[in-house]
Amino acid sequence: MNRYGRKKRGSMGIGALIVFIALVVVAAISAVVIINTAITLKNQAEKTGESIKLTIPEVKSVVGDRDPTNSGTLSSTVDFLYLTMVVNGAKTLNMSNMRIHITTSTSNKSVDLVLNTAALQSAANPESPTDNELINAADTTHYGAKEIVPYLGSGWDPGLGAFYVSRNTTLKIYIDLRNAPDGIGMTLPVNTDVTITFNAGDSSAAYKVQFNTGYSYGNSKIIDFTYT
């Protein structure tokens, strides 16, 4: 009887050991799967982030103009905006799909603008339109743009109806804030919060610029909002 009891207890001990070893093996396999999944997700997130970074342009400067037509009379508000935009990534952007959305703290409306491709194509010299042509290209629903630092092979050729930009291409964006029929009717008084959002029209993330117009314009025609 004692011998049988010892055998039974020995069998139970071996069984428990087998179960324990099985649990350890399962836990180890699960840990490997979890680690591999985490690494895969991390790599995918990094690739997605890099792709978005390559797709979105960067605005280097924002400048306001209180007398865009050079009439000699300064408006009490900023009536025109000039933005310098640089593409730093490798992916090509089609500016004809780029929408610019504008909101301000002093206006009860927001607007969406698209590139005035027709005006740029019809310029006397589409490769180098004049400031007056670009000011006229910016209206109630459009913004104007010209290439100021070209990049070989960027695809920016308004004369041929091509409005592509790629790495190291720099554009100057023209936005008319004056009342219709000239512009979008969102002139900027002092102490105004402004948000300008660029949306490439595909799966890319939006690029946002925010600034405040400050407490005074003084006697300056040109107001630099880049670091406000």
Protein backbone atom coordinates (compact mmCIF):
# COMPACT_ATOMS: atom_id res chain seq x y z
CA MET A 1 0.00 0.00 0.00
CA ASN A 2 2.78 2.40 0.83
CA ARG A 3 4.61 1.46 -2.36
CA TYR A 4 1.44 2.16 -4.38
CA GLY A 5 1.01 5.49 -2.66
CA ARG A 6 4.58 6.49 -3.45
CA LYS A 7 4.10 5.51 -7.12
CA LYS A 8 0.88 7.52 -7.32
CA ARG A 9 2.48 10.57 -5.77
CA GLY A 10 5.46 10.20 -8.13
CA SER A 11 3.17 10.03 -11.16
CA MET A 12 1.31 13.12 -10.01
CA GLY A 13 4.59 14.97 -9.52
CA ILE A 14 5.77 14.12 -13.03
CA GLY A 15 2.41 15.20 -14.46
CA ALA A 16 2.58 18.52 -12.64
CA LEU A 17 6.12 19.03 -13.90
CA ILE A 18 5.02 18.37 -17.48
CA VAL A 19 2.16 20.86 -17.11
CA PHE A 20 4.55 23.43 -15.64
CA ILE A 21 7.04 22.99 -18.49
CA ALA A 22 4.21 23.30 -21.03
CA LEU A 23 3.06 26.55 -19.42
CA VAL A 24 6.61 27.93 -19.51
CA VAL A 25 6.94 27.03 -23.21
CA VAL A 26 3.58 28.64 -24.05
CA ALA A 27 4.52 31.78 -22.10
CA ALA A 28 7.86 32.00 -23.92
CA ILE A 29 6.20 31.62 -27.32
CA SER A 30 3.61 34.26 -26.40
CA ALA A 31 6.36 36.64 -25.28
CA VAL A 32 8.18 36.21 -28.60
CA VAL A 33 4.97 36.85 -30.55
CA ILE A 34 4.20 39.98 -28.51
CA ILE A 35 7.74 41.34 -28.93
CA ASN A 36 7.71 40.70 -32.69
CA THR A 37 4.28 42.35 -33.00
CA ALA A 38 5.48 45.41 -31.06
CA ILE A 39 8.57 45.73 -33.27
CA THR A 40 6.45 45.43 -36.43
CA LEU A 41 3.99 48.09 -35.23
CA LYS A 42 6.87 50.39 -34.27
CA ASN A 43 8.46 50.05 -37.71
CA GLN A 44 5.13 50.67 -39.43
CA ALA A 45 4.52 53.77 -37.30
CA GLU A 46 7.98 55.12 -38.13
CA LYS A 47 7.43 54.52 -41.85
CA THR A 48 4.02 56.21 -41.70
CA GLY A 49 5.44 59.18 -39.84
CA GLU A 50 8.29 59.53 -42.31
CA SER A 51 5.88 59.29 -45.24
CA ILE A 52 3.72 62.06 -43.79
CA LYS A 53 6.79 64.18 -43.13
CA LEU A 54 7.90 63.79 -46.73
CA THR A 55 4.46 64.74 -48.04
CA ILE A 56 3.81 67.95 -46.15
CA PRO A 57 5.36 71.30 -47.11
CA GLU A 58 6.79 73.65 -44.51
CA VAL A 59 5.94 77.34 -44.31
CA LYS A 60 9.12 79.29 -43.60
CA SER A 61 7.70 82.81 -43.44
CA VAL A 62 4.38 84.67 -43.23
CA VAL A 63 4.33 88.35 -44.21
CA GLY A 64 1.40 90.77 -44.27
CA ASP A 65 0.97 93.78 -46.57
CA ARG A 66 -1.15 96.84 -45.69
CA ASP A 67 -0.90 98.36 -49.18
CA PRO A 68 -0.52 95.57 -51.77
CA THR A 69 -1.27 97.87 -54.72
CA ASN A 70 1.33 100.44 -53.58
CA SER A 71 -1.23 103.25 -53.54
CA GLY A 72 0.71 105.13 -50.88
CA THR A 73 -2.07 104.78 -48.29
CA LEU A 74 -1.71 102.28 -45.47
CA SER A 75 -4.79 100.35 -44.46
CA SER A 76 -5.56 99.97 -40.76
CA THR A 77 -5.61 96.21 -41.41
CA VAL A 78 -3.37 93.71 -43.18
CA ASP A 79 -4.95 93.24 -46.61
CA PHE A 80 -2.64 90.68 -48.21
CA LEU A 81 -0.54 87.71 -47.11
CA TYR A 82 2.63 86.31 -48.65
CA LEU A 83 3.77 82.88 -47.46
CA THR A 84 7.09 81.24 -48.32
CA MET A 85 6.61 77.48 -48.58
CA VAL A 86 9.39 74.89 -48.87
CA VAL A 87 9.06 71.21 -49.73
CA ASN A 88 11.70 69.31 -47.75
CA GLY A 89 10.79 65.71 -48.54
CA ALA A 90 11.27 63.45 -51.51
CA LYS A 91 7.63 63.02 -52.45
CA THR A 92 6.22 65.23 -55.21
CA LEU A 93 3.21 67.42 -54.42
CA ASN A 94 0.61 68.51 -56.95
CA MET A 95 -0.17 72.09 -55.97
CA SER A 96 -3.30 72.10 -58.11
CA ASN A 97 -4.73 69.75 -55.44
CA MET A 98 -3.43 71.78 -52.50
CA ARG A 99 -6.23 73.51 -50.59
CA ILE A 100 -5.57 76.34 -48.14
CA HIS A 101 -8.09 76.77 -45.32
CA ILE A 102 -8.14 80.04 -43.36
CA THR A 103 -9.86 80.96 -40.10
CA THR A 104 -9.42 83.99 -37.83
CA SER A 105 -10.61 85.07 -34.40
CA THR A 106 -12.12 88.29 -35.79
CA SER A 107 -14.21 86.77 -38.59
CA ASN A 108 -17.28 84.58 -38.31
CA LYS A 109 -16.43 82.68 -41.48
CA SER A 110 -13.72 80.44 -42.87
CA VAL A 111 -12.60 79.98 -46.46
CA ASP A 112 -11.01 77.32 -48.65
CA LEU A 113 -8.73 78.42 -51.47
CA VAL A 114 -7.30 76.53 -54.43
CA LEU A 115 -4.47 77.44 -56.78
CA ASN A 116 -5.52 79.72 -59.65
CA THR A 117 -4.01 77.55 -62.37
CA ALA A 118 -5.84 79.37 -65.18
CA ALA A 119 -4.40 82.76 -64.17
CA LEU A 120 -0.87 81.35 -63.90
CA GLN A 121 -1.11 79.67 -67.30
CA SER A 122 -2.31 82.88 -68.95
CA ALA A 123 0.45 85.09 -67.48
CA ALA A 124 2.68 86.87 -70.01
CA ASN A 125 5.56 84.71 -68.78
CA PRO A 126 4.11 81.72 -66.90
CA GLU A 127 7.54 80.74 -65.59
CA SER A 128 8.02 84.14 -63.96
CA PRO A 129 4.71 85.99 -63.47
CA THR A 130 4.81 89.58 -62.20
CA ASP A 131 3.65 90.60 -58.73
CA ASN A 132 0.61 92.30 -60.27
CA GLU A 133 -0.34 89.12 -62.11
CA LEU A 134 0.01 87.11 -58.91
CA ILE A 135 -1.99 89.64 -56.90
CA ASN A 136 -4.74 89.38 -59.52
CA ALA A 137 -4.51 85.58 -59.41
CA ALA A 138 -5.45 85.70 -55.72
CA ASP A 139 -9.20 86.32 -55.45
CA THR A 140 -12.29 85.20 -53.54
CA THR A 141 -11.67 81.48 -54.10
CA HIS A 142 -8.05 81.23 -55.28
CA TYR A 143 -4.49 81.83 -54.19
CA GLY A 144 -1.57 82.66 -56.45
CA ALA A 145 1.87 81.05 -56.38
CA LYS A 146 5.24 81.28 -58.08
CA GLU A 147 8.43 79.27 -57.86
CA ILE A 148 11.18 81.39 -56.30
CA VAL A 149 13.79 78.68 -55.66
CA PRO A 150 13.45 76.06 -58.41
CA TYR A 151 14.59 72.49 -58.12
CA LEU A 152 15.68 70.57 -61.20
CA GLY A 153 12.96 68.17 -62.24
CA SER A 154 10.37 69.46 -59.76
CA GLY A 155 7.64 69.56 -62.41
CA TRP A 156 6.62 73.20 -61.87
CA ASP A 157 5.79 74.43 -65.38
CA PRO A 158 2.61 76.58 -65.42
CA GLY A 159 2.95 77.21 -69.16
CA LEU A 160 2.40 73.48 -69.73
CA GLY A 161 -0.24 73.19 -67.02
CA ALA A 162 2.11 71.37 -64.62
CA PHE A 163 2.09 72.47 -60.97
CA TYR A 164 4.21 69.83 -59.25
CA VAL A 165 6.81 70.61 -56.59
CA SER A 166 9.36 68.35 -54.94
CA ARG A 167 12.26 68.48 -52.50
CA ASN A 168 13.95 71.87 -52.06
CA THR A 169 11.38 73.66 -54.21
CA THR A 170 10.38 77.02 -52.70
CA LEU A 171 7.11 78.74 -53.58
CA LYS A 172 5.72 82.15 -52.69
CA ILE A 173 1.99 81.99 -51.95
CA TYR A 174 -0.27 85.03 -52.50
CA ILE A 175 -3.55 85.40 -50.54
CA ASP A 176 -5.86 88.40 -50.98
CA LEU A 177 -7.65 89.27 -47.73
CA ARG A 178 -9.55 92.30 -49.06
CA ASN A 179 -13.30 92.39 -49.46
CA ALA A 180 -14.95 90.96 -52.56
CA PRO A 181 -14.63 91.18 -55.49
CA ASP A 182 -10.89 91.45 -54.84
CA GLY A 183 -10.36 88.93 -52.07
CA ILE A 184 -11.82 86.67 -49.40
CA GLY A 185 -13.10 89.42 -47.10
CA MET A 186 -10.97 88.54 -44.07
CA THR A 187 -8.64 91.50 -43.52
CA LEU A 188 -6.58 91.27 -40.34
CA PRO A 189 -6.85 93.91 -37.61
CA VAL A 190 -4.38 93.92 -34.74
CA ASN A 191 -4.64 91.27 -32.02
CA THR A 192 -6.12 88.64 -34.34
CA ASP A 193 -5.42 84.91 -34.10
CA VAL A 194 -4.98 83.32 -37.52
CA THR A 195 -4.90 79.65 -38.52
CA ILE A 196 -3.88 78.60 -42.03
CA THR A 197 -4.10 74.91 -42.89
CA PHE A 198 -2.56 73.27 -45.96
CA ASN A 199 -4.22 70.07 -47.18
CA ALA A 200 -2.60 68.20 -50.05
CA GLY A 201 -5.85 66.53 -51.07
CA ASP A 202 -4.65 62.94 -50.57
CA SER A 203 -3.92 60.76 -47.53
CA SER A 204 -1.30 63.20 -46.28
CA ALA A 205 -1.66 64.89 -42.94
CA ALA A 206 -2.53 68.59 -42.94
CA TYR A 207 0.12 71.22 -42.22
CA LYS A 208 -1.01 74.06 -39.97
CA VAL A 209 0.37 77.58 -39.42
CA GLN A 210 -0.86 79.69 -36.49
CA PHE A 211 0.06 83.23 -35.51
CA ASN A 212 -1.23 86.39 -33.83
CA THR A 213 -1.09 89.74 -35.60
CA GLY A 214 0.25 91.58 -32.55
CA TYR A 215 -0.89 94.68 -30.71
CA SER A 216 0.24 97.35 -33.21
CA TYR A 217 1.23 97.77 -36.87
CA GLY A 218 2.74 101.22 -36.37
CA ASN A 219 3.64 102.90 -39.66
CA SER A 220 4.91 99.73 -41.32
CA LYS A 221 3.61 98.65 -44.71
CA ILE A 222 5.03 95.12 -44.40
CA ILE A 223 4.34 93.15 -41.21
CA ASP A 224 6.34 89.99 -40.49
CA PHE A 225 4.23 87.37 -38.69
CA THR A 226 6.78 84.58 -38.99
CA TYR A 227 7.73 84.43 -35.31
CA THR A 228 4.57 85.75 -33.64
